[in-house]
Amino acid sequence: MKFIEQENSLLLVIDDDAERDSLWDYHNDHTIESDQAMYEFFEDILANCEWEWIDAEEIGALTSAPILGYRDENENVVAAYGFMNYCVDSVLVRLFIDEKVEFDKG
């Protein structure tokens, strides 16, 4: 998965066949619209990079949107991006259909 920071957003792009296959298998075995499915799918991906799920409270956000970000060496959140369409759309559905999903800069 590529994490591409843009001026006002973070673009996540599926960039290899193994990830495509994994998402397809995940789609067949789970209800991909759920937050739990999203967190499970990203568990291995996030374990191997600087990105992580950020709690909204940590950055003073009043939202239930999933937020991805990263921290500095002092564990301060340096950047945070939220999937603000969370009420009407799903991160995994976007990845499944478009092979990319965009998070807005917070």
N, C-alpha and C. Protein backbone atom coordinates (compact mmCIF):
# COMPACT_ATOMS: atom_id res chain seq x y z
N MET A 1 0.85 -1.17 0.00
CA MET A 1 0.00 0.00 0.00
C MET A 1 0.89 1.23 0.00
N LYS A 2 0.60 2.15 -0.88
CA LYS A 2 1.32 3.42 -0.90
C LYS A 2 0.52 4.44 -0.10
N PHE A 3 1.23 5.19 0.73
CA PHE A 3 0.67 6.32 1.47
C PHE A 3 1.26 7.57 0.85
N ILE A 4 0.44 8.34 0.15
CA ILE A 4 0.94 9.50 -0.58
C ILE A 4 0.37 10.77 0.07
N GLU A 5 1.26 11.51 0.73
CA GLU A 5 0.83 12.77 1.34
C GLU A 5 0.76 13.84 0.26
N GLN A 6 -0.40 14.48 0.18
CA GLN A 6 -0.61 15.58 -0.75
C GLN A 6 -0.82 16.85 0.07
N GLU A 7 -1.04 17.96 -0.58
CA GLU A 7 -1.15 19.23 0.15
C GLU A 7 -2.25 19.20 1.21
N ASN A 8 -3.42 18.69 0.88
CA ASN A 8 -4.54 18.70 1.82
C ASN A 8 -5.15 17.33 2.05
N SER A 9 -4.42 16.29 1.71
CA SER A 9 -5.00 14.96 1.87
C SER A 9 -3.91 13.89 1.90
N LEU A 10 -4.35 12.71 2.26
CA LEU A 10 -3.51 11.51 2.23
C LEU A 10 -4.21 10.52 1.31
N LEU A 11 -3.50 10.06 0.30
CA LEU A 11 -4.05 9.11 -0.64
C LEU A 11 -3.44 7.74 -0.36
N LEU A 12 -4.30 6.75 -0.14
CA LEU A 12 -3.85 5.37 0.04
C LEU A 12 -4.16 4.63 -1.25
N VAL A 13 -3.15 3.99 -1.81
CA VAL A 13 -3.30 3.33 -3.10
C VAL A 13 -2.80 1.90 -3.00
N ILE A 14 -3.62 0.98 -3.46
CA ILE A 14 -3.18 -0.42 -3.55
C ILE A 14 -2.21 -0.50 -4.72
N ASP A 15 -1.00 -0.99 -4.46
CA ASP A 15 0.02 -0.94 -5.50
C ASP A 15 0.62 -2.28 -5.89
N ASP A 16 0.03 -3.37 -5.41
CA ASP A 16 0.53 -4.66 -5.90
C ASP A 16 -0.56 -5.72 -5.88
N ASP A 17 -0.32 -6.77 -6.62
CA ASP A 17 -1.32 -7.84 -6.78
C ASP A 17 -1.63 -8.54 -5.47
N ALA A 18 -0.65 -8.69 -4.61
CA ALA A 18 -0.87 -9.38 -3.33
C ALA A 18 -1.89 -8.61 -2.48
N GLU A 19 -1.78 -7.28 -2.46
CA GLU A 19 -2.75 -6.47 -1.70
C GLU A 19 -4.13 -6.55 -2.33
N ARG A 20 -4.18 -6.54 -3.68
CA ARG A 20 -5.46 -6.67 -4.38
C ARG A 20 -6.12 -8.00 -4.03
N ASP A 21 -5.33 -9.06 -4.07
CA ASP A 21 -5.84 -10.39 -3.74
C ASP A 21 -6.28 -10.46 -2.29
N SER A 22 -5.51 -9.86 -1.41
CA SER A 22 -5.84 -9.86 0.01
C SER A 22 -7.16 -9.13 0.25
N LEU A 23 -7.34 -7.99 -0.40
CA LEU A 23 -8.58 -7.23 -0.26
C LEU A 23 -9.76 -8.02 -0.83
N TRP A 24 -9.54 -8.68 -1.95
CA TRP A 24 -10.60 -9.51 -2.55
C TRP A 24 -10.99 -10.64 -1.59
N ASP A 25 -10.01 -11.33 -1.03
CA ASP A 25 -10.29 -12.40 -0.07
C ASP A 25 -11.00 -11.84 1.16
N TYR A 26 -10.54 -10.69 1.63
CA TYR A 26 -11.16 -10.07 2.80
C TYR A 26 -12.61 -9.73 2.50
N HIS A 27 -12.86 -9.22 1.32
CA HIS A 27 -14.23 -8.88 0.90
C HIS A 27 -15.12 -10.11 0.91
N ASN A 28 -14.60 -11.22 0.48
CA ASN A 28 -15.39 -12.46 0.42
C ASN A 28 -15.69 -13.03 1.81
N ASP A 29 -14.83 -12.74 2.77
CA ASP A 29 -14.95 -13.34 4.10
C ASP A 29 -15.55 -12.42 5.17
N HIS A 30 -15.72 -11.13 4.88
CA HIS A 30 -16.13 -10.17 5.91
C HIS A 30 -17.16 -9.18 5.36
N THR A 31 -17.81 -8.51 6.26
CA THR A 31 -18.62 -7.37 5.91
C THR A 31 -17.68 -6.17 5.89
N ILE A 32 -17.25 -5.77 4.69
CA ILE A 32 -16.18 -4.77 4.61
C ILE A 32 -16.64 -3.35 4.93
N GLU A 33 -17.92 -3.16 5.15
CA GLU A 33 -18.39 -1.83 5.51
C GLU A 33 -18.12 -1.49 6.98
N SER A 34 -17.79 -2.47 7.80
CA SER A 34 -17.64 -2.22 9.23
C SER A 34 -16.27 -1.65 9.58
N ASP A 35 -16.24 -0.85 10.65
CA ASP A 35 -14.97 -0.32 11.14
C ASP A 35 -14.05 -1.44 11.59
N GLN A 36 -14.62 -2.46 12.24
CA GLN A 36 -13.80 -3.57 12.72
C GLN A 36 -13.07 -4.25 11.56
N ALA A 37 -13.75 -4.44 10.44
CA ALA A 37 -13.11 -5.05 9.27
C ALA A 37 -11.98 -4.16 8.76
N MET A 38 -12.20 -2.85 8.76
CA MET A 38 -11.17 -1.91 8.31
C MET A 38 -9.93 -2.02 9.20
N TYR A 39 -10.13 -1.99 10.52
CA TYR A 39 -8.99 -2.07 11.44
C TYR A 39 -8.26 -3.40 11.29
N GLU A 40 -8.98 -4.48 11.13
CA GLU A 40 -8.35 -5.80 10.94
C GLU A 40 -7.56 -5.85 9.64
N PHE A 41 -8.13 -5.34 8.56
CA PHE A 41 -7.44 -5.36 7.26
C PHE A 41 -6.13 -4.58 7.32
N PHE A 42 -6.13 -3.43 8.00
CA PHE A 42 -4.95 -2.58 8.05
C PHE A 42 -3.93 -2.99 9.11
N GLU A 43 -4.27 -3.95 9.94
CA GLU A 43 -3.38 -4.30 11.05
C GLU A 43 -1.96 -4.64 10.59
N ASP A 44 -1.80 -5.53 9.65
CA ASP A 44 -0.46 -5.91 9.18
C ASP A 44 0.20 -4.79 8.38
N ILE A 45 -0.59 -4.06 7.62
CA ILE A 45 -0.04 -2.96 6.81
C ILE A 45 0.56 -1.89 7.72
N LEU A 46 -0.16 -1.50 8.75
CA LEU A 46 0.31 -0.44 9.64
C LEU A 46 1.42 -0.90 10.57
N ALA A 47 1.51 -2.20 10.79
CA ALA A 47 2.57 -2.72 11.66
C ALA A 47 3.95 -2.53 11.06
N ASN A 48 4.00 -2.31 9.76
CA ASN A 48 5.28 -2.22 9.06
C ASN A 48 5.57 -0.84 8.49
N CYS A 49 4.96 0.21 9.07
CA CYS A 49 5.23 1.56 8.58
C CYS A 49 5.04 2.57 9.71
N GLU A 50 5.31 3.83 9.42
CA GLU A 50 5.19 4.87 10.43
C GLU A 50 3.75 5.30 10.70
N TRP A 51 2.83 4.96 9.83
CA TRP A 51 1.43 5.37 9.97
C TRP A 51 0.72 4.55 11.03
N GLU A 52 -0.25 5.17 11.70
CA GLU A 52 -1.04 4.48 12.72
C GLU A 52 -2.40 5.14 12.85
N TRP A 53 -3.32 4.44 13.49
CA TRP A 53 -4.62 5.03 13.79
C TRP A 53 -4.45 5.99 14.95
N ILE A 54 -5.03 7.17 14.81
CA ILE A 54 -4.94 8.22 15.83
C ILE A 54 -6.33 8.41 16.44
N ASP A 55 -6.40 8.48 17.76
CA ASP A 55 -7.67 8.77 18.43
C ASP A 55 -8.00 10.25 18.23
N ALA A 56 -9.25 10.53 17.89
CA ALA A 56 -9.69 11.90 17.65
C ALA A 56 -9.39 12.81 18.84
N GLU A 57 -9.54 12.28 20.04
CA GLU A 57 -9.31 13.08 21.24
C GLU A 57 -7.86 13.58 21.34
N GLU A 58 -6.94 12.81 20.81
CA GLU A 58 -5.52 13.20 20.87
C GLU A 58 -5.24 14.49 20.13
N ILE A 59 -6.03 14.76 19.11
CA ILE A 59 -5.78 15.96 18.29
C ILE A 59 -6.90 16.98 18.45
N GLY A 60 -7.78 16.76 19.42
CA GLY A 60 -8.86 17.69 19.69
C GLY A 60 -9.96 17.69 18.63
N ALA A 61 -10.09 16.58 17.92
CA ALA A 61 -11.12 16.48 16.88
C ALA A 61 -12.42 15.94 17.47
N LEU A 62 -13.51 16.48 17.02
CA LEU A 62 -14.83 16.04 17.47
C LEU A 62 -15.47 15.23 16.35
N THR A 63 -14.97 14.03 16.15
CA THR A 63 -15.45 13.19 15.06
C THR A 63 -15.30 11.72 15.43
N SER A 64 -16.04 10.90 14.74
CA SER A 64 -15.88 9.45 14.86
C SER A 64 -15.19 8.89 13.62
N ALA A 65 -14.71 9.78 12.76
CA ALA A 65 -14.04 9.35 11.52
C ALA A 65 -12.76 8.60 11.84
N PRO A 66 -12.43 7.59 11.04
CA PRO A 66 -11.12 6.96 11.19
C PRO A 66 -10.03 7.97 10.81
N ILE A 67 -9.00 8.06 11.63
CA ILE A 67 -7.93 9.02 11.42
C ILE A 67 -6.60 8.28 11.36
N LEU A 68 -5.85 8.53 10.30
CA LEU A 68 -4.49 8.00 10.16
C LEU A 68 -3.51 9.14 10.37
N GLY A 69 -2.39 8.83 11.00
CA GLY A 69 -1.37 9.85 11.20
C GLY A 69 -0.05 9.23 11.59
N TYR A 70 0.90 10.08 11.88
CA TYR A 70 2.18 9.59 12.38
C TYR A 70 2.70 10.56 13.42
N ARG A 71 3.66 10.09 14.20
CA ARG A 71 4.18 10.82 15.36
C ARG A 71 5.66 11.13 15.18
N ASP A 72 6.12 12.11 15.95
CA ASP A 72 7.55 12.40 15.99
C ASP A 72 8.23 11.53 17.05
N GLU A 73 9.49 11.75 17.28
CA GLU A 73 10.25 10.92 18.22
C GLU A 73 9.78 11.08 19.66
N ASN A 74 9.03 12.16 19.95
CA ASN A 74 8.49 12.39 21.29
C ASN A 74 7.04 11.91 21.42
N GLU A 75 6.58 11.17 20.44
CA GLU A 75 5.22 10.60 20.40
C GLU A 75 4.12 11.65 20.20
N ASN A 76 4.50 12.85 19.74
CA ASN A 76 3.51 13.87 19.40
C ASN A 76 2.97 13.59 18.00
N VAL A 77 1.68 13.77 17.81
CA VAL A 77 1.10 13.59 16.48
C VAL A 77 1.58 14.73 15.59
N VAL A 78 2.22 14.37 14.49
CA VAL A 78 2.78 15.35 13.56
C VAL A 78 1.80 15.63 12.42
N ALA A 79 1.13 14.60 11.95
CA ALA A 79 0.18 14.75 10.85
C ALA A 79 -1.01 13.84 11.11
N ALA A 80 -2.19 14.30 10.73
CA ALA A 80 -3.40 13.51 10.92
C ALA A 80 -4.34 13.74 9.73
N TYR A 81 -4.92 12.65 9.26
CA TYR A 81 -5.83 12.69 8.11
C TYR A 81 -7.04 11.83 8.43
N GLY A 82 -8.24 12.38 8.19
CA GLY A 82 -9.46 11.65 8.51
C GLY A 82 -10.26 11.28 7.27
N PHE A 83 -10.92 10.14 7.35
CA PHE A 83 -11.84 9.73 6.28
C PHE A 83 -13.20 10.31 6.63
N MET A 84 -13.46 11.52 6.15
CA MET A 84 -14.61 12.29 6.59
C MET A 84 -15.94 11.84 5.98
N ASN A 85 -15.90 10.95 5.01
CA ASN A 85 -17.13 10.40 4.43
C ASN A 85 -17.59 9.16 5.18
N TYR A 86 -17.07 8.96 6.37
CA TYR A 86 -17.31 7.72 7.12
C TYR A 86 -18.79 7.42 7.38
N CYS A 87 -19.63 8.43 7.39
CA CYS A 87 -21.06 8.19 7.66
C CYS A 87 -21.78 7.57 6.46
N VAL A 88 -21.27 7.80 5.27
CA VAL A 88 -21.96 7.33 4.06
C VAL A 88 -21.12 6.41 3.19
N ASP A 89 -19.88 6.20 3.56
CA ASP A 89 -18.98 5.39 2.74
C ASP A 89 -18.06 4.58 3.64
N SER A 90 -17.25 3.74 3.04
CA SER A 90 -16.35 2.87 3.79
C SER A 90 -14.96 2.89 3.14
N VAL A 91 -13.94 2.95 3.97
CA VAL A 91 -12.56 2.91 3.49
C VAL A 91 -12.33 1.67 2.65
N LEU A 92 -12.73 0.51 3.16
CA LEU A 92 -12.48 -0.74 2.43
C LEU A 92 -13.30 -0.83 1.15
N VAL A 93 -14.52 -0.32 1.15
CA VAL A 93 -15.32 -0.33 -0.08
C VAL A 93 -14.64 0.54 -1.13
N ARG A 94 -14.15 1.72 -0.73
CA ARG A 94 -13.43 2.59 -1.69
C ARG A 94 -12.21 1.88 -2.24
N LEU A 95 -11.44 1.24 -1.37
CA LEU A 95 -10.26 0.51 -1.84
C LEU A 95 -10.66 -0.63 -2.78
N PHE A 96 -11.73 -1.32 -2.44
CA PHE A 96 -12.17 -2.45 -3.24
C PHE A 96 -12.63 -2.00 -4.63
N ILE A 97 -13.37 -0.91 -4.69
CA ILE A 97 -13.91 -0.42 -5.96
C ILE A 97 -12.87 0.37 -6.77
N ASP A 98 -12.19 1.31 -6.10
CA ASP A 98 -11.31 2.25 -6.81
C ASP A 98 -9.82 1.93 -6.69
N GLU A 99 -9.47 1.02 -5.79
CA GLU A 99 -8.07 0.69 -5.47
C GLU A 99 -7.32 1.88 -4.89
N LYS A 100 -8.08 2.85 -4.36
CA LYS A 100 -7.50 4.01 -3.68
C LYS A 100 -8.57 4.62 -2.79
N VAL A 101 -8.13 5.34 -1.79
CA VAL A 101 -9.04 6.06 -0.90
C VAL A 101 -8.33 7.30 -0.40
N GLU A 102 -9.09 8.38 -0.22
CA GLU A 102 -8.50 9.64 0.21
C GLU A 102 -8.98 10.04 1.60
N PHE A 103 -8.02 10.43 2.44
CA PHE A 103 -8.29 10.94 3.77
C PHE A 103 -7.98 12.44 3.74
N ASP A 104 -8.83 13.25 4.36
CA ASP A 104 -8.64 14.70 4.39
C ASP A 104 -7.70 15.11 5.52
N LYS A 105 -6.88 16.12 5.24
CA LYS A 105 -5.97 16.63 6.26
C LYS A 105 -6.76 17.26 7.39
N GLY A 106 -6.35 16.94 8.64
CA GLY A 106 -7.07 17.44 9.79
C GLY A 106 -6.50 18.64 10.42
